[in-house]
Amino acid sequence: MEVLETVEKREFVDFIIEGIKDKLGKEIISINMTALQNASCSYFIICHGDSTTQVSAIANWVEKVIEDKLNEKVRRKQGLEN
């Protein structure tokens, strides 16, 4: 079962990107994965921060939003060091 429809997915990705910007994330890239048949996600978002504290704040915020808004668990996260 799909949690979000395509338009809602793009809006949610935009919401996540705005939140990352609010946390001063840098060089934010969103990759649309929907054309890949066996992709484990619809979108892949990459960014970085200036400190370990900032990167942790971004990652924790994204994880909380996904759990709260979508009732989904984050399966994997990497790159928490700057």
N, C-alpha and C. Protein backbone atom coordinates (compact mmCIF):
# COMPACT_ATOMS: atom_id res chain seq x y z
N MET A 1 0.84 -1.19 0.00
CA MET A 1 0.00 0.00 0.00
C MET A 1 0.88 1.25 0.00
N GLU A 2 0.62 2.14 -0.91
CA GLU A 2 1.34 3.39 -0.98
C GLU A 2 0.83 4.34 0.10
N VAL A 3 1.74 4.93 0.83
CA VAL A 3 1.35 5.86 1.89
C VAL A 3 0.91 7.19 1.29
N LEU A 4 1.62 7.66 0.28
CA LEU A 4 1.31 8.94 -0.34
C LEU A 4 1.19 8.78 -1.85
N GLU A 5 0.32 9.55 -2.45
CA GLU A 5 0.22 9.60 -3.90
C GLU A 5 1.38 10.44 -4.45
N THR A 6 1.59 10.41 -5.74
CA THR A 6 2.74 11.07 -6.37
C THR A 6 2.82 12.56 -6.05
N VAL A 7 1.73 13.30 -6.17
CA VAL A 7 1.74 14.74 -5.89
C VAL A 7 2.03 14.97 -4.42
N GLU A 8 1.43 14.19 -3.56
CA GLU A 8 1.68 14.32 -2.13
C GLU A 8 3.13 14.00 -1.79
N LYS A 9 3.71 13.03 -2.48
CA LYS A 9 5.12 12.70 -2.25
C LYS A 9 6.00 13.90 -2.57
N ARG A 10 5.76 14.53 -3.71
CA ARG A 10 6.58 15.69 -4.09
C ARG A 10 6.40 16.82 -3.08
N GLU A 11 5.17 17.04 -2.61
CA GLU A 11 4.91 18.08 -1.61
C GLU A 11 5.63 17.74 -0.30
N PHE A 12 5.64 16.46 0.07
CA PHE A 12 6.31 16.05 1.29
C PHE A 12 7.82 16.23 1.16
N VAL A 13 8.37 15.89 0.00
CA VAL A 13 9.80 16.10 -0.25
C VAL A 13 10.12 17.59 -0.14
N ASP A 14 9.28 18.44 -0.73
CA ASP A 14 9.48 19.89 -0.64
C ASP A 14 9.44 20.35 0.82
N PHE A 15 8.53 19.79 1.62
CA PHE A 15 8.43 20.11 3.04
C PHE A 15 9.72 19.71 3.76
N ILE A 16 10.23 18.52 3.46
CA ILE A 16 11.48 18.05 4.06
C ILE A 16 12.63 18.99 3.68
N ILE A 17 12.70 19.37 2.42
CA ILE A 17 13.77 20.26 1.96
C ILE A 17 13.70 21.60 2.66
N GLU A 18 12.51 22.16 2.82
CA GLU A 18 12.36 23.43 3.53
C GLU A 18 12.81 23.30 4.98
N GLY A 19 12.49 22.17 5.61
CA GLY A 19 12.93 21.93 6.98
C GLY A 19 14.44 21.84 7.08
N ILE A 20 15.06 21.20 6.11
CA ILE A 20 16.52 21.12 6.08
C ILE A 20 17.12 22.51 5.92
N LYS A 21 16.51 23.32 5.07
CA LYS A 21 16.98 24.71 4.89
C LYS A 21 16.85 25.47 6.20
N ASP A 22 15.75 25.26 6.92
CA ASP A 22 15.57 25.93 8.22
C ASP A 22 16.66 25.54 9.22
N LYS A 23 17.17 24.33 9.09
CA LYS A 23 18.25 23.85 9.96
C LYS A 23 19.62 24.18 9.36
N LEU A 24 19.61 25.00 8.32
CA LEU A 24 20.81 25.49 7.64
C LEU A 24 21.62 24.39 6.94
N GLY A 25 20.90 23.37 6.46
CA GLY A 25 21.54 22.35 5.64
C GLY A 25 22.04 22.96 4.35
N LYS A 26 23.09 22.40 3.81
CA LYS A 26 23.73 22.96 2.62
C LYS A 26 23.72 21.97 1.47
N GLU A 27 23.77 22.51 0.26
CA GLU A 27 23.84 21.72 -0.97
C GLU A 27 22.83 20.58 -0.97
N ILE A 28 21.57 20.93 -0.80
CA ILE A 28 20.49 19.93 -0.72
C ILE A 28 20.17 19.43 -2.12
N ILE A 29 20.18 18.12 -2.26
CA ILE A 29 19.88 17.48 -3.54
C ILE A 29 18.75 16.48 -3.31
N SER A 30 17.75 16.51 -4.18
CA SER A 30 16.65 15.54 -4.13
C SER A 30 16.69 14.72 -5.42
N ILE A 31 16.75 13.41 -5.27
CA ILE A 31 16.81 12.52 -6.42
C ILE A 31 15.50 11.74 -6.51
N ASN A 32 14.80 11.89 -7.62
CA ASN A 32 13.55 11.16 -7.85
C ASN A 32 13.89 9.73 -8.25
N MET A 33 13.48 8.78 -7.43
CA MET A 33 13.81 7.37 -7.65
C MET A 33 12.62 6.58 -8.21
N THR A 34 11.52 7.25 -8.50
CA THR A 34 10.29 6.54 -8.87
C THR A 34 10.40 5.77 -10.19
N ALA A 35 11.32 6.15 -11.05
CA ALA A 35 11.47 5.43 -12.33
C ALA A 35 12.23 4.12 -12.17
N LEU A 36 12.87 3.92 -11.04
CA LEU A 36 13.63 2.69 -10.82
C LEU A 36 12.70 1.62 -10.27
N GLN A 37 12.67 0.51 -10.93
CA GLN A 37 11.70 -0.54 -10.62
C GLN A 37 11.81 -1.07 -9.19
N ASN A 38 13.00 -1.33 -8.70
CA ASN A 38 13.17 -1.94 -7.38
C ASN A 38 13.74 -0.99 -6.34
N ALA A 39 13.51 0.29 -6.52
CA ALA A 39 14.04 1.27 -5.56
C ALA A 39 13.35 1.09 -4.21
N SER A 40 14.12 1.27 -3.15
CA SER A 40 13.56 1.11 -1.81
C SER A 40 12.90 2.39 -1.31
N CYS A 41 12.99 3.47 -2.10
CA CYS A 41 12.34 4.72 -1.72
C CYS A 41 11.93 5.47 -2.99
N SER A 42 11.06 6.44 -2.82
CA SER A 42 10.60 7.24 -3.96
C SER A 42 11.54 8.41 -4.25
N TYR A 43 12.09 8.99 -3.18
CA TYR A 43 13.01 10.12 -3.30
C TYR A 43 14.17 9.90 -2.36
N PHE A 44 15.33 10.39 -2.75
CA PHE A 44 16.53 10.29 -1.95
C PHE A 44 17.03 11.71 -1.79
N ILE A 45 17.18 12.16 -0.55
CA ILE A 45 17.59 13.54 -0.28
C ILE A 45 18.97 13.52 0.36
N ILE A 46 19.86 14.33 -0.19
CA ILE A 46 21.24 14.43 0.30
C ILE A 46 21.51 15.89 0.66
N CYS A 47 22.20 16.09 1.78
CA CYS A 47 22.63 17.43 2.15
C CYS A 47 23.83 17.30 3.09
N HIS A 48 24.39 18.43 3.48
CA HIS A 48 25.45 18.39 4.49
C HIS A 48 25.33 19.61 5.38
N GLY A 49 26.06 19.57 6.47
CA GLY A 49 26.07 20.68 7.42
C GLY A 49 27.50 21.01 7.81
N ASP A 50 27.65 22.06 8.61
CA ASP A 50 28.98 22.54 8.98
C ASP A 50 29.55 21.89 10.23
N SER A 51 28.72 21.18 10.99
CA SER A 51 29.21 20.55 12.22
C SER A 51 28.45 19.26 12.48
N THR A 52 29.02 18.43 13.32
CA THR A 52 28.36 17.19 13.70
C THR A 52 27.02 17.48 14.38
N THR A 53 26.99 18.52 15.19
CA THR A 53 25.75 18.91 15.88
C THR A 53 24.68 19.30 14.87
N GLN A 54 25.04 20.08 13.88
CA GLN A 54 24.08 20.51 12.86
C GLN A 54 23.58 19.32 12.04
N VAL A 55 24.48 18.45 11.64
CA VAL A 55 24.09 17.28 10.85
C VAL A 55 23.15 16.39 11.67
N SER A 56 23.45 16.20 12.95
CA SER A 56 22.57 15.41 13.82
C SER A 56 21.20 16.05 13.96
N ALA A 57 21.15 17.37 14.09
CA ALA A 57 19.87 18.08 14.20
C ALA A 57 19.03 17.89 12.94
N ILE A 58 19.66 17.97 11.78
CA ILE A 58 18.95 17.76 10.51
C ILE A 58 18.43 16.33 10.44
N ALA A 59 19.29 15.36 10.70
CA ALA A 59 18.90 13.95 10.61
C ALA A 59 17.79 13.61 11.59
N ASN A 60 17.91 14.09 12.82
CA ASN A 60 16.89 13.81 13.83
C ASN A 60 15.55 14.44 13.47
N TRP A 61 15.59 15.67 12.91
CA TRP A 61 14.35 16.34 12.51
C TRP A 61 13.67 15.57 11.39
N VAL A 62 14.44 15.17 10.37
CA VAL A 62 13.87 14.41 9.24
C VAL A 62 13.27 13.10 9.74
N GLU A 63 13.98 12.39 10.58
CA GLU A 63 13.48 11.12 11.11
C GLU A 63 12.18 11.32 11.89
N LYS A 64 12.11 12.35 12.72
CA LYS A 64 10.90 12.62 13.50
C LYS A 64 9.72 12.96 12.60
N VAL A 65 9.96 13.77 11.58
CA VAL A 65 8.88 14.15 10.66
C VAL A 65 8.35 12.93 9.92
N ILE A 66 9.23 12.06 9.47
CA ILE A 66 8.80 10.86 8.76
C ILE A 66 7.98 9.96 9.68
N GLU A 67 8.42 9.80 10.91
CA GLU A 67 7.68 8.97 11.86
C GLU A 67 6.34 9.60 12.21
N ASP A 68 6.32 10.92 12.46
CA ASP A 68 5.09 11.60 12.87
C ASP A 68 4.08 11.76 11.74
N LYS A 69 4.54 12.18 10.57
CA LYS A 69 3.63 12.49 9.47
C LYS A 69 3.22 11.26 8.66
N LEU A 70 4.14 10.30 8.51
CA LEU A 70 3.86 9.14 7.66
C LEU A 70 3.66 7.86 8.45
N ASN A 71 3.95 7.92 9.74
CA ASN A 71 3.87 6.73 10.59
C ASN A 71 4.76 5.62 10.04
N GLU A 72 5.93 6.02 9.55
CA GLU A 72 6.92 5.10 8.99
C GLU A 72 8.20 5.20 9.80
N LYS A 73 8.93 4.12 9.86
CA LYS A 73 10.24 4.11 10.49
C LYS A 73 11.30 4.38 9.43
N VAL A 74 12.32 5.14 9.79
CA VAL A 74 13.46 5.34 8.90
C VAL A 74 14.25 4.04 8.91
N ARG A 75 14.44 3.47 7.73
CA ARG A 75 15.11 2.18 7.63
C ARG A 75 16.61 2.27 7.82
N ARG A 76 17.18 3.34 7.32
CA ARG A 76 18.63 3.46 7.40
C ARG A 76 19.03 4.90 7.24
N LYS A 77 20.04 5.31 7.98
CA LYS A 77 20.61 6.64 7.79
C LYS A 77 22.12 6.54 7.90
N GLN A 78 22.79 7.33 7.09
CA GLN A 78 24.24 7.29 7.05
C GLN A 78 24.79 8.70 6.97
N GLY A 79 26.07 8.82 7.29
CA GLY A 79 26.77 10.10 7.10
C GLY A 79 26.48 11.10 8.18
N LEU A 80 26.34 10.67 9.41
CA LEU A 80 26.03 11.61 10.49
C LEU A 80 27.25 12.40 10.95
N GLU A 81 28.40 12.09 10.40
CA GLU A 81 29.58 12.89 10.70
C GLU A 81 29.73 13.94 9.62
N ASN A 82 30.34 15.08 9.98
CA ASN A 82 30.55 16.10 8.95
C ASN A 82 31.88 15.90 8.28
